[in-house]
Amino acid sequence: MSTDGSSQPPASSGSSANPRAAYHRVKKTPELPAAEAVRLRMTPIAAVGTLLWTIALVLTQLFRDDLAASGREWWGTCALTGVVVGLLGTAAMAVADRRHFGRQARGGGRGSA
């Protein structure tokens, strides 16, 4: 709301009510072509994350007494949860990668006729 009580912005010299026109007026750089989509297999990334949770689980079991003494026995449960979710995620990524990259290998990608 402006100072005079109207809901319209105050008119100033050179202002435009059209945001698109204002954008084009101040835009200095030319449009760049869009980057091609990154094709990355997700299964290895999920597997590495699961491996890290597995290492954390082993370490929490090695130091179980120390963790319990300091009130952090829940760390083992957290690491176990990370391993379980990581295994599910790795399986899901393996299926998604097989679908995505298997289609490209057969030549049935979206851009082909």
PDB file of N, CA and C in Angstrom:
ATOM      1  N   MET A   1       0.835  -1.161   0.000  1.00  0.00           N
ATOM      2  CA  MET A   1       0.000   0.000   0.000  1.00  0.00           C
ATOM      3  C   MET A   1       0.889   1.237   0.000  1.00  0.00           C
ATOM      4  N   SER A   2       0.558   2.216  -0.787  1.00  0.00           N
ATOM      5  CA  SER A   2       1.376   3.419  -0.854  1.00  0.00           C
ATOM      6  C   SER A   2       0.986   4.383   0.255  1.00  0.00           C
ATOM      7  N   THR A   3       1.727   5.477   0.368  1.00  0.00           N
ATOM      8  CA  THR A   3       1.487   6.444   1.442  1.00  0.00           C
ATOM      9  C   THR A   3       0.178   7.189   1.280  1.00  0.00           C
ATOM     10  N   ASP A   4      -0.368   7.257   0.053  1.00  0.00           N
ATOM     11  CA  ASP A   4      -1.631   7.973  -0.141  1.00  0.00           C
ATOM     12  C   ASP A   4      -2.852   7.079   0.072  1.00  0.00           C
ATOM     13  N   GLY A   5      -2.662   5.828   0.465  1.00  0.00           N
ATOM     14  CA  GLY A   5      -3.771   4.945   0.757  1.00  0.00           C
ATOM     15  C   GLY A   5      -4.216   4.079  -0.405  1.00  0.00           C
ATOM     16  N   SER A   6      -3.663   4.280  -1.595  1.00  0.00           N
ATOM     17  CA  SER A   6      -4.054   3.453  -2.732  1.00  0.00           C
ATOM     18  C   SER A   6      -3.216   2.174  -2.739  1.00  0.00           C
ATOM     19  N   SER A   7      -3.725   1.159  -3.401  1.00  0.00           N
ATOM     20  CA  SER A   7      -2.994  -0.101  -3.440  1.00  0.00           C
ATOM     21  C   SER A   7      -2.001  -0.159  -4.598  1.00  0.00           C
ATOM     22  N   GLN A   8      -1.974   0.849  -5.425  1.00  0.00           N
ATOM     23  CA  GLN A   8      -1.055   0.888  -6.558  1.00  0.00           C
ATOM     24  C   GLN A   8       0.283   1.485  -6.125  1.00  0.00           C
ATOM     25  N   PRO A   9       1.382   0.980  -6.682  1.00  0.00           N
ATOM     26  CA  PRO A   9       2.677   1.581  -6.347  1.00  0.00           C
ATOM     27  C   PRO A   9       2.743   2.982  -6.933  1.00  0.00           C
ATOM     28  N   PRO A  10       3.515   3.860  -6.302  1.00  0.00           N
ATOM     29  CA  PRO A  10       3.609   5.219  -6.828  1.00  0.00           C
ATOM     30  C   PRO A  10       4.265   5.214  -8.196  1.00  0.00           C
ATOM     31  N   ALA A  11       3.752   6.016  -9.086  1.00  0.00           N
ATOM     32  CA  ALA A  11       4.301   6.117 -10.432  1.00  0.00           C
ATOM     33  C   ALA A  11       5.544   6.980 -10.387  1.00  0.00           C
ATOM     34  N   SER A  12       6.623   6.467 -10.936  1.00  0.00           N
ATOM     35  CA  SER A  12       7.844   7.253 -11.027  1.00  0.00           C
ATOM     36  C   SER A  12       8.272   7.269 -12.477  1.00  0.00           C
ATOM     37  N   SER A  13       9.162   8.142 -12.788  1.00  0.00           N
ATOM     38  CA  SER A  13       9.578   8.262 -14.181  1.00  0.00           C
ATOM     39  C   SER A  13      10.292   6.997 -14.618  1.00  0.00           C
ATOM     40  N   GLY A  14       9.869   6.443 -15.730  1.00  0.00           N
ATOM     41  CA  GLY A  14      10.506   5.254 -16.288  1.00  0.00           C
ATOM     42  C   GLY A  14      10.065   3.957 -15.652  1.00  0.00           C
ATOM     43  N   SER A  15       9.147   3.974 -14.685  1.00  0.00           N
ATOM     44  CA  SER A  15       8.718   2.715 -14.076  1.00  0.00           C
ATOM     45  C   SER A  15       7.731   2.024 -14.996  1.00  0.00           C
ATOM     46  N   SER A  16       7.649   0.738 -14.835  1.00  0.00           N
ATOM     47  CA  SER A  16       6.757  -0.045 -15.664  1.00  0.00           C
ATOM     48  C   SER A  16       5.887  -0.898 -14.769  1.00  0.00           C
ATOM     49  N   ALA A  17       4.615  -0.967 -15.068  1.00  0.00           N
ATOM     50  CA  ALA A  17       3.718  -1.813 -14.291  1.00  0.00           C
ATOM     51  C   ALA A  17       3.884  -3.272 -14.678  1.00  0.00           C
ATOM     52  N   ASN A  18       4.512  -3.543 -15.818  1.00  0.00           N
ATOM     53  CA  ASN A  18       4.702  -4.893 -16.311  1.00  0.00           C
ATOM     54  C   ASN A  18       6.066  -5.413 -15.835  1.00  0.00           C
ATOM     55  N   PRO A  19       6.118  -6.410 -14.958  1.00  0.00           N
ATOM     56  CA  PRO A  19       7.400  -6.913 -14.455  1.00  0.00           C
ATOM     57  C   PRO A  19       8.290  -7.475 -15.566  1.00  0.00           C
ATOM     58  N   ARG A  20       7.696  -8.099 -16.563  1.00  0.00           N
ATOM     59  CA  ARG A  20       8.496  -8.660 -17.649  1.00  0.00           C
ATOM     60  C   ARG A  20       9.216  -7.556 -18.418  1.00  0.00           C
ATOM     61  N   ALA A  21       8.527  -6.460 -18.668  1.00  0.00           N
ATOM     62  CA  ALA A  21       9.154  -5.335 -19.372  1.00  0.00           C
ATOM     63  C   ALA A  21      10.282  -4.757 -18.525  1.00  0.00           C
ATOM     64  N   ALA A  22      10.065  -4.656 -17.220  1.00  0.00           N
ATOM     65  CA  ALA A  22      11.110  -4.138 -16.342  1.00  0.00           C
ATOM     66  C   ALA A  22      12.315  -5.078 -16.347  1.00  0.00           C
ATOM     67  N   TYR A  23      12.079  -6.375 -16.339  1.00  0.00           N
ATOM     68  CA  TYR A  23      13.177  -7.346 -16.369  1.00  0.00           C
ATOM     69  C   TYR A  23      14.004  -7.193 -17.637  1.00  0.00           C
ATOM     70  N   HIS A  24      13.343  -7.090 -18.779  1.00  0.00           N
ATOM     71  CA  HIS A  24      14.072  -6.967 -20.034  1.00  0.00           C
ATOM     72  C   HIS A  24      14.808  -5.635 -20.131  1.00  0.00           C
ATOM     73  N   ARG A  25      14.285  -4.620 -19.459  1.00  0.00           N
ATOM     74  CA  ARG A  25      14.927  -3.315 -19.508  1.00  0.00           C
ATOM     75  C   ARG A  25      16.258  -3.329 -18.746  1.00  0.00           C
ATOM     76  N   VAL A  26      16.344  -4.093 -17.643  1.00  0.00           N
ATOM     77  CA  VAL A  26      17.559  -4.088 -16.841  1.00  0.00           C
ATOM     78  C   VAL A  26      18.472  -5.279 -17.127  1.00  0.00           C
ATOM     79  N   LYS A  27      18.023  -6.240 -17.884  1.00  0.00           N
ATOM     80  CA  LYS A  27      18.829  -7.421 -18.187  1.00  0.00           C
ATOM     81  C   LYS A  27      20.018  -7.034 -19.048  1.00  0.00           C
ATOM     82  N   LYS A  28      21.199  -7.424 -18.620  1.00  0.00           N
ATOM     83  CA  LYS A  28      22.419  -7.034 -19.320  1.00  0.00           C
ATOM     84  C   LYS A  28      23.078  -8.189 -20.082  1.00  0.00           C
ATOM     85  N   THR A  29      22.864  -9.431 -19.633  1.00  0.00           N
ATOM     86  CA  THR A  29      23.555 -10.558 -20.256  1.00  0.00           C
ATOM     87  C   THR A  29      22.630 -11.279 -21.222  1.00  0.00           C
ATOM     88  N   PRO A  30      23.181 -11.822 -22.294  1.00  0.00           N
ATOM     89  CA  PRO A  30      22.350 -12.574 -23.240  1.00  0.00           C
ATOM     90  C   PRO A  30      21.963 -13.926 -22.632  1.00  0.00           C
ATOM     91  N   GLU A  31      20.916 -14.511 -23.162  1.00  0.00           N
ATOM     92  CA  GLU A  31      20.483 -15.835 -22.699  1.00  0.00           C
ATOM     93  C   GLU A  31      21.513 -16.881 -23.122  1.00  0.00           C
ATOM     94  N   LEU A  32      21.847 -17.754 -22.199  1.00  0.00           N
ATOM     95  CA  LEU A  32      22.767 -18.846 -22.490  1.00  0.00           C
ATOM     96  C   LEU A  32      21.955 -20.102 -22.743  1.00  0.00           C
ATOM     97  N   PRO A  33      22.458 -21.001 -23.592  1.00  0.00           N
ATOM     98  CA  PRO A  33      21.715 -22.244 -23.815  1.00  0.00           C
ATOM     99  C   PRO A  33      21.697 -23.079 -22.531  1.00  0.00           C
ATOM    100  N   ALA A  34      20.645 -23.813 -22.338  1.00  0.00           N
ATOM    101  CA  ALA A  34      20.519 -24.657 -21.153  1.00  0.00           C
ATOM    102  C   ALA A  34      21.537 -25.782 -21.203  1.00  0.00           C
ATOM    103  N   ALA A  35      22.097 -26.090 -20.066  1.00  0.00           N
ATOM    104  CA  ALA A  35      23.072 -27.175 -19.990  1.00  0.00           C
ATOM    105  C   ALA A  35      22.367 -28.510 -20.199  1.00  0.00           C
ATOM    106  N   GLU A  36      23.075 -29.445 -20.784  1.00  0.00           N
ATOM    107  CA  GLU A  36      22.505 -30.778 -20.964  1.00  0.00           C
ATOM    108  C   GLU A  36      22.417 -31.456 -19.600  1.00  0.00           C
ATOM    109  N   ALA A  37      21.404 -32.252 -19.421  1.00  0.00           N
ATOM    110  CA  ALA A  37      21.187 -32.915 -18.139  1.00  0.00           C
ATOM    111  C   ALA A  37      22.366 -33.823 -17.806  1.00  0.00           C
ATOM    112  N   VAL A  38      22.744 -33.822 -16.550  1.00  0.00           N
ATOM    113  CA  VAL A  38      23.829 -34.671 -16.093  1.00  0.00           C
ATOM    114  C   VAL A  38      23.295 -36.093 -15.964  1.00  0.00           C
ATOM    115  N   ARG A  39      23.988 -37.022 -16.568  1.00  0.00           N
ATOM    116  CA  ARG A  39      23.596 -38.429 -16.471  1.00  0.00           C
ATOM    117  C   ARG A  39      24.555 -39.113 -15.501  1.00  0.00           C
ATOM    118  N   LEU A  40      24.036 -39.402 -14.334  1.00  0.00           N
ATOM    119  CA  LEU A  40      24.867 -39.924 -13.266  1.00  0.00           C
ATOM    120  C   LEU A  40      24.173 -41.132 -12.647  1.00  0.00           C
ATOM    121  N   ARG A  41      24.908 -42.195 -12.493  1.00  0.00           N
ATOM    122  CA  ARG A  41      24.355 -43.379 -11.838  1.00  0.00           C
ATOM    123  C   ARG A  41      24.305 -43.130 -10.337  1.00  0.00           C
ATOM    124  N   MET A  42      23.147 -43.397  -9.746  1.00  0.00           N
ATOM    125  CA  MET A  42      22.934 -43.113  -8.336  1.00  0.00           C
ATOM    126  C   MET A  42      23.257 -44.298  -7.424  1.00  0.00           C
ATOM    127  N   THR A  43      23.314 -45.496  -7.972  1.00  0.00           N
ATOM    128  CA  THR A  43      23.568 -46.678  -7.146  1.00  0.00           C
ATOM    129  C   THR A  43      24.893 -46.592  -6.395  1.00  0.00           C
ATOM    130  N   PRO A  44      26.010 -46.211  -7.040  1.00  0.00           N
ATOM    131  CA  PRO A  44      27.264 -46.129  -6.276  1.00  0.00           C
ATOM    132  C   PRO A  44      27.217 -45.094  -5.156  1.00  0.00           C
ATOM    133  N   ILE A  45      26.500 -44.008  -5.370  1.00  0.00           N
ATOM    134  CA  ILE A  45      26.402 -42.987  -4.334  1.00  0.00           C
ATOM    135  C   ILE A  45      25.642 -43.529  -3.130  1.00  0.00           C
ATOM    136  N   ALA A  46      24.533 -44.204  -3.374  1.00  0.00           N
ATOM    137  CA  ALA A  46      23.757 -44.797  -2.285  1.00  0.00           C
ATOM    138  C   ALA A  46      24.556 -45.905  -1.592  1.00  0.00           C
ATOM    139  N   ALA A  47      25.324 -46.660  -2.360  1.00  0.00           N
ATOM    140  CA  ALA A  47      26.120 -47.742  -1.770  1.00  0.00           C
ATOM    141  C   ALA A  47      27.224 -47.183  -0.867  1.00  0.00           C
ATOM    142  N   VAL A  48      27.841 -46.092  -1.273  1.00  0.00           N
ATOM    143  CA  VAL A  48      28.884 -45.478  -0.434  1.00  0.00           C
ATOM    144  C   VAL A  48      28.275 -44.956   0.860  1.00  0.00           C
ATOM    145  N   GLY A  49      27.111 -44.339   0.775  1.00  0.00           N
ATOM    146  CA  GLY A  49      26.435 -43.872   1.984  1.00  0.00           C
ATOM    147  C   GLY A  49      26.093 -45.020   2.921  1.00  0.00           C
ATOM    148  N   THR A  50      25.634 -46.117   2.359  1.00  0.00           N
ATOM    149  CA  THR A  50      25.327 -47.299   3.168  1.00  0.00           C
ATOM    150  C   THR A  50      26.594 -47.862   3.809  1.00  0.00           C
ATOM    151  N   LEU A  51      27.686 -47.863   3.066  1.00  0.00           N
ATOM    152  CA  LEU A  51      28.964 -48.334   3.613  1.00  0.00           C
ATOM    153  C   LEU A  51      29.403 -47.462   4.789  1.00  0.00           C
ATOM    154  N   LEU A  52      29.233 -46.164   4.667  1.00  0.00           N
ATOM    155  CA  LEU A  52      29.606 -45.264   5.767  1.00  0.00           C
ATOM    156  C   LEU A  52      28.746 -45.517   7.007  1.00  0.00           C
ATOM    157  N   TRP A  53      27.445 -45.772   6.821  1.00  0.00           N
ATOM    158  CA  TRP A  53      26.586 -46.102   7.960  1.00  0.00           C
ATOM    159  C   TRP A  53      26.992 -47.440   8.571  1.00  0.00           C
ATOM    160  N   THR A  54      27.436 -48.389   7.727  1.00  0.00           N
ATOM    161  CA  THR A  54      27.875 -49.690   8.241  1.00  0.00           C
ATOM    162  C   THR A  54      29.132 -49.530   9.093  1.00  0.00           C
ATOM    163  N   ILE A  55      30.047 -48.691   8.637  1.00  0.00           N
ATOM    164  CA  ILE A  55      31.260 -48.419   9.424  1.00  0.00           C
ATOM    165  C   ILE A  55      30.879 -47.775  10.751  1.00  0.00           C
ATOM    166  N   ALA A  56      29.928 -46.841  10.707  1.00  0.00           N
ATOM    167  CA  ALA A  56      29.484 -46.203  11.949  1.00  0.00           C
ATOM    168  C   ALA A  56      28.850 -47.225  12.883  1.00  0.00           C
ATOM    169  N   LEU A  57      28.090 -48.175  12.331  1.00  0.00           N
ATOM    170  CA  LEU A  57      27.474 -49.211  13.159  1.00  0.00           C
ATOM    171  C   LEU A  57      28.534 -50.074  13.825  1.00  0.00           C
ATOM    172  N   VAL A  58      29.551 -50.462  13.074  1.00  0.00           N
ATOM    173  CA  VAL A  58      30.637 -51.278  13.648  1.00  0.00           C
ATOM    174  C   VAL A  58      31.345 -50.511  14.762  1.00  0.00           C
ATOM    175  N   LEU A  59      31.614 -49.228  14.517  1.00  0.00           N
ATOM    176  CA  LEU A  59      32.295 -48.424  15.535  1.00  0.00           C
ATOM    177  C   LEU A  59      31.441 -48.259  16.787  1.00  0.00           C
ATOM    178  N   THR A  60      30.144 -48.093  16.626  1.00  0.00           N
ATOM    179  CA  THR A  60      29.288 -47.963  17.810  1.00  0.00           C
ATOM    180  C   THR A  60      29.242 -49.267  18.605  1.00  0.00           C
ATOM    181  N   GLN A  61      29.384 -50.400  17.930  1.00  0.00           N
ATOM    182  CA  GLN A  61      29.399 -51.670  18.650  1.00  0.00           C
ATOM    183  C   GLN A  61      30.731 -51.880  19.361  1.00  0.00           C
ATOM    184  N   LEU A  62      31.815 -51.391  18.755  1.00  0.00           N
ATOM    185  CA  LEU A  62      33.126 -51.499  19.406  1.00  0.00           C
ATOM    186  C   LEU A  62      33.194 -50.635  20.664  1.00  0.00           C
ATOM    187  N   PHE A  63      32.555 -49.488  20.628  1.00  0.00           N
ATOM    188  CA  PHE A  63      32.604 -48.557  21.756  1.00  0.00           C
ATOM    189  C   PHE A  63      31.260 -48.482  22.487  1.00  0.00           C
ATOM    190  N   ARG A  64      30.549 -49.589  22.514  1.00  0.00           N
ATOM    191  CA  ARG A  64      29.203 -49.621  23.113  1.00  0.00           C
ATOM    192  C   ARG A  64      29.218 -49.211  24.582  1.00  0.00           C
ATOM    193  N   ASP A  65      30.167 -49.713  25.356  1.00  0.00           N
ATOM    194  CA  ASP A  65      30.206 -49.405  26.799  1.00  0.00           C
ATOM    195  C   ASP A  65      30.490 -47.923  27.039  1.00  0.00           C
ATOM    196  N   ASP A  66      31.425 -47.371  26.292  1.00  0.00           N
ATOM    197  CA  ASP A  66      31.741 -45.946  26.443  1.00  0.00           C
ATOM    198  C   ASP A  66      30.551 -45.069  26.059  1.00  0.00           C
ATOM    199  N   LEU A  67      29.856 -45.452  24.991  1.00  0.00           N
ATOM    200  CA  LEU A  67      28.692 -44.686  24.562  1.00  0.00           C
ATOM    201  C   LEU A  67      27.569 -44.774  25.591  1.00  0.00           C
ATOM    202  N   ALA A  68      27.366 -45.953  26.160  1.00  0.00           N
ATOM    203  CA  ALA A  68      26.318 -46.126  27.176  1.00  0.00           C
ATOM    204  C   ALA A  68      26.644 -45.312  28.423  1.00  0.00           C
ATOM    205  N   ALA A  69      27.910 -45.267  28.794  1.00  0.00           N
ATOM    206  CA  ALA A  69      28.310 -44.507  29.984  1.00  0.00           C
ATOM    207  C   ALA A  69      28.081 -43.007  29.803  1.00  0.00           C
ATOM    208  N   SER A  70      28.163 -42.538  28.575  1.00  0.00           N
ATOM    209  CA  SER A  70      27.983 -41.099  28.332  1.00  0.00           C
ATOM    210  C   SER A  70      26.563 -40.760  27.870  1.00  0.00           C
ATOM    211  N   GLY A  71      25.659 -41.748  27.893  1.00  0.00           N
ATOM    212  CA  GLY A  71      24.268 -41.492  27.518  1.00  0.00           C
ATOM    213  C   GLY A  71      24.043 -41.421  26.016  1.00  0.00           C
ATOM    214  N   ARG A  72      24.916 -42.022  25.250  1.00  0.00           N
ATOM    215  CA  ARG A  72      24.789 -41.979  23.789  1.00  0.00           C
ATOM    216  C   ARG A  72      24.601 -43.369  23.185  1.00  0.00           C
ATOM    217  N   GLU A  73      23.947 -44.252  23.910  1.00  0.00           N
ATOM    218  CA  GLU A  73      23.735 -45.600  23.389  1.00  0.00           C
ATOM    219  C   GLU A  73      22.804 -45.611  22.188  1.00  0.00           C
ATOM    220  N   TRP A  74      22.045 -44.542  21.981  1.00  0.00           N
ATOM    221  CA  TRP A  74      21.139 -44.433  20.835  1.00  0.00           C
ATOM    222  C   TRP A  74      21.902 -44.286  19.516  1.00  0.00           C
ATOM    223  N   TRP A  75      23.185 -43.979  19.565  1.00  0.00           N
ATOM    224  CA  TRP A  75      23.959 -43.844  18.329  1.00  0.00           C
ATOM    225  C   TRP A  75      23.969 -45.151  17.538  1.00  0.00           C
ATOM    226  N   GLY A  76      24.021 -46.281  18.230  1.00  0.00           N
ATOM    227  CA  GLY A  76      23.998 -47.578  17.547  1.00  0.00           C
ATOM    228  C   GLY A  76      22.690 -47.792  16.809  1.00  0.00           C
ATOM    229  N   THR A  77      21.590 -47.411  17.438  1.00  0.00           N
ATOM    230  CA  THR A  77      20.278 -47.532  16.791  1.00  0.00           C
ATOM    231  C   THR A  77      20.194 -46.620  15.574  1.00  0.00           C
ATOM    232  N   CYS A  78      20.750 -45.441  15.706  1.00  0.00           N
ATOM    233  CA  CYS A  78      20.758 -44.492  14.581  1.00  0.00           C
ATOM    234  C   CYS A  78      21.566 -45.063  13.410  1.00  0.00           C
ATOM    235  N   ALA A  79      22.729 -45.631  13.713  1.00  0.00           N
ATOM    236  CA  ALA A  79      23.557 -46.214  12.654  1.00  0.00           C
ATOM    237  C   ALA A  79      22.869 -47.416  12.016  1.00  0.00           C
ATOM    238  N   LEU A  80      22.208 -48.241  12.819  1.00  0.00           N
ATOM    239  CA  LEU A  80      21.475 -49.389  12.273  1.00  0.00           C
ATOM    240  C   LEU A  80      20.355 -48.918  11.352  1.00  0.00           C
ATOM    241  N   THR A  81      19.657 -47.876  11.757  1.00  0.00           N
ATOM    242  CA  THR A  81      18.607 -47.309  10.913  1.00  0.00           C
ATOM    243  C   THR A  81      19.195 -46.796   9.607  1.00  0.00           C
ATOM    244  N   GLY A  82      20.349 -46.150   9.680  1.00  0.00           N
ATOM    245  CA  GLY A  82      21.016 -45.670   8.467  1.00  0.00           C
ATOM    246  C   GLY A  82      21.372 -46.809   7.525  1.00  0.00           C
ATOM    247  N   VAL A  83      21.815 -47.933   8.071  1.00  0.00           N
ATOM    248  CA  VAL A  83      22.154 -49.090   7.232  1.00  0.00           C
ATOM    249  C   VAL A  83      20.901 -49.640   6.559  1.00  0.00           C
ATOM    250  N   VAL A  84      19.825 -49.778   7.311  1.00  0.00           N
ATOM    251  CA  VAL A  84      18.588 -50.341   6.748  1.00  0.00           C
ATOM    252  C   VAL A  84      18.033 -49.422   5.659  1.00  0.00           C
ATOM    253  N   VAL A  85      17.935 -48.137   5.960  1.00  0.00           N
ATOM    254  CA  VAL A  85      17.432 -47.186   4.960  1.00  0.00           C
ATOM    255  C   VAL A  85      18.386 -47.128   3.764  1.00  0.00           C
ATOM    256  N   GLY A  86      19.679 -47.215   4.020  1.00  0.00           N
ATOM    257  CA  GLY A  86      20.656 -47.214   2.933  1.00  0.00           C
ATOM    258  C   GLY A  86      20.514 -48.423   2.019  1.00  0.00           C
ATOM    259  N   LEU A  87      20.245 -49.590   2.601  1.00  0.00           N
ATOM    260  CA  LEU A  87      20.038 -50.783   1.771  1.00  0.00           C
ATOM    261  C   LEU A  87      18.785 -50.645   0.907  1.00  0.00           C
ATOM    262  N   LEU A  88      17.718 -50.117   1.504  1.00  0.00           N
ATOM    263  CA  LEU A  88      16.498 -49.883   0.729  1.00  0.00           C
ATOM    264  C   LEU A  88      16.746 -48.851  -0.380  1.00  0.00           C
ATOM    265  N   GLY A  89      17.462 -47.782  -0.042  1.00  0.00           N
ATOM    266  CA  GLY A  89      17.768 -46.752  -1.037  1.00  0.00           C
ATOM    267  C   GLY A  89      18.669 -47.261  -2.141  1.00  0.00           C
ATOM    268  N   THR A  90      19.644 -48.080  -1.787  1.00  0.00           N
ATOM    269  CA  THR A  90      20.539 -48.643  -2.805  1.00  0.00           C
ATOM    270  C   THR A  90      19.762 -49.551  -3.753  1.00  0.00           C
ATOM    271  N   ALA A  91      18.856 -50.345  -3.204  1.00  0.00           N
ATOM    272  CA  ALA A  91      18.033 -51.208  -4.059  1.00  0.00           C
ATOM    273  C   ALA A  91      17.144 -50.366  -4.977  1.00  0.00           C
ATOM    274  N   ALA A  92      16.547 -49.317  -4.432  1.00  0.00           N
ATOM    275  CA  ALA A  92      15.693 -48.457  -5.253  1.00  0.00           C
ATOM    276  C   ALA A  92      16.503 -47.748  -6.346  1.00  0.00           C
ATOM    277  N   MET A  93      17.697 -47.309  -6.014  1.00  0.00           N
ATOM    278  CA  MET A  93      18.538 -46.639  -7.013  1.00  0.00           C
ATOM    279  C   MET A  93      19.017 -47.625  -8.077  1.00  0.00           C
ATOM    280  N   ALA A  94      19.257 -48.878  -7.691  1.00  0.00           N
ATOM    281  CA  ALA A  94      19.654 -49.883  -8.676  1.00  0.00           C
ATOM    282  C   ALA A  94      18.532 -50.108  -9.686  1.00  0.00           C
ATOM    283  N   VAL A  95      17.294 -50.172  -9.203  1.00  0.00           N
ATOM    284  CA  VAL A  95      16.157 -50.342 -10.109  1.00  0.00           C
ATOM    285  C   VAL A  95      16.005 -49.120 -11.005  1.00  0.00           C
ATOM    286  N   ALA A  96      16.127 -47.929 -10.420  1.00  0.00           N
ATOM    287  CA  ALA A  96      15.980 -46.696 -11.204  1.00  0.00           C
ATOM    288  C   ALA A  96      17.096 -46.570 -12.241  1.00  0.00           C
ATOM    289  N   ASP A  97      18.329 -46.900 -11.846  1.00  0.00           N
ATOM    290  CA  ASP A  97      19.438 -46.841 -12.803  1.00  0.00           C
ATOM    291  C   ASP A  97      19.243 -47.845 -13.929  1.00  0.00           C
ATOM    292  N   ARG A  98      18.781 -49.039 -13.591  1.00  0.00           N
ATOM    293  CA  ARG A  98      18.556 -50.056 -14.621  1.00  0.00           C
ATOM    294  C   ARG A  98      17.503 -49.581 -15.615  1.00  0.00           C
ATOM    295  N   ARG A  99      16.445 -48.978 -15.109  1.00  0.00           N
ATOM    296  CA  ARG A  99      15.400 -48.460 -16.001  1.00  0.00           C
ATOM    297  C   ARG A  99      15.917 -47.304 -16.845  1.00  0.00           C
ATOM    298  N   HIS A 100      16.626 -46.380 -16.212  1.00  0.00           N
ATOM    299  CA  HIS A 100      17.073 -45.179 -16.913  1.00  0.00           C
ATOM    300  C   HIS A 100      18.180 -45.476 -17.920  1.00  0.00           C
ATOM    301  N   PHE A 101      19.216 -46.173 -17.475  1.00  0.00           N
ATOM    302  CA  PHE A 101      20.349 -46.424 -18.357  1.00  0.00           C
ATOM    303  C   PHE A 101      20.126 -47.617 -19.268  1.00  0.00           C
ATOM    304  N   GLY A 102      19.260 -48.544 -18.896  1.00  0.00           N
ATOM    305  CA  GLY A 102      18.940 -49.670 -19.763  1.00  0.00           C
ATOM    306  C   GLY A 102      18.201 -49.211 -21.006  1.00  0.00           C
ATOM    307  N   ARG A 103      17.327 -48.227 -20.863  1.00  0.00           N
ATOM    308  CA  ARG A 103      16.567 -47.679 -21.989  1.00  0.00           C
ATOM    309  C   ARG A 103      17.511 -46.968 -22.967  1.00  0.00           C
ATOM    310  N   GLN A 104      18.499 -46.249 -22.445  1.00  0.00           N
ATOM    311  CA  GLN A 104      19.441 -45.554 -23.317  1.00  0.00           C
ATOM    312  C   GLN A 104      20.332 -46.540 -24.065  1.00  0.00           C
ATOM    313  N   ALA A 105      20.699 -47.625 -23.415  1.00  0.00           N
ATOM    314  CA  ALA A 105      21.559 -48.615 -24.066  1.00  0.00           C
ATOM    315  C   ALA A 105      20.832 -49.296 -25.215  1.00  0.00           C
ATOM    316  N   ARG A 106      19.507 -49.478 -25.072  1.00  0.00           N
ATOM    317  CA  ARG A 106      18.718 -50.094 -26.152  1.00  0.00           C
ATOM    318  C   ARG A 106      18.360 -49.106 -27.234  1.00  0.00           C
ATOM    319  N   GLY A 107      18.667 -47.826 -27.011  1.00  0.00           N
ATOM    320  CA  GLY A 107      18.339 -46.819 -28.039  1.00  0.00           C
ATOM    321  C   GLY A 107      16.924 -46.321 -27.952  1.00  0.00           C
ATOM    322  N   GLY A 108      16.255 -46.564 -26.846  1.00  0.00           N
ATOM    323  CA  GLY A 108      14.875 -46.142 -26.708  1.00  0.00           C
ATOM    324  C   GLY A 108      14.724 -44.900 -25.858  1.00  0.00           C
ATOM    325  N   GLY A 109      15.706 -44.000 -25.913  1.00  0.00           N
ATOM    326  CA  GLY A 109      15.641 -42.785 -25.127  1.00  0.00           C
ATOM    327  C   GLY A 109      14.509 -41.890 -25.582  1.00  0.00           C
ATOM    328  N   ARG A 110      14.229 -40.855 -24.836  1.00  0.00           N
ATOM    329  CA  ARG A 110      13.110 -39.971 -25.124  1.00  0.00           C
ATOM    330  C   ARG A 110      13.258 -39.247 -26.446  1.00  0.00           C
ATOM    331  N   GLY A 111      14.485 -38.924 -26.838  1.00  0.00           N
ATOM    332  CA  GLY A 111      14.681 -38.148 -28.044  1.00  0.00           C
ATOM    333  C   GLY A 111      14.684 -38.955 -29.321  1.00  0.00           C
ATOM    334  N   SER A 112      14.713 -40.285 -29.218  1.00  0.00           N
ATOM    335  CA  SER A 112      14.798 -41.078 -30.436  1.00  0.00           C
ATOM    336  C   SER A 112      13.406 -41.334 -31.000  1.00  0.00           C
ATOM    337  N   ALA A 113      13.369 -41.579 -32.304  1.00  0.00           N
ATOM    338  CA  ALA A 113      12.072 -41.800 -32.962  1.00  0.00           C
ATOM    339  C   ALA A 113      11.866 -43.255 -33.278  1.00  0.00           C
TER     340      ALA A 113
END
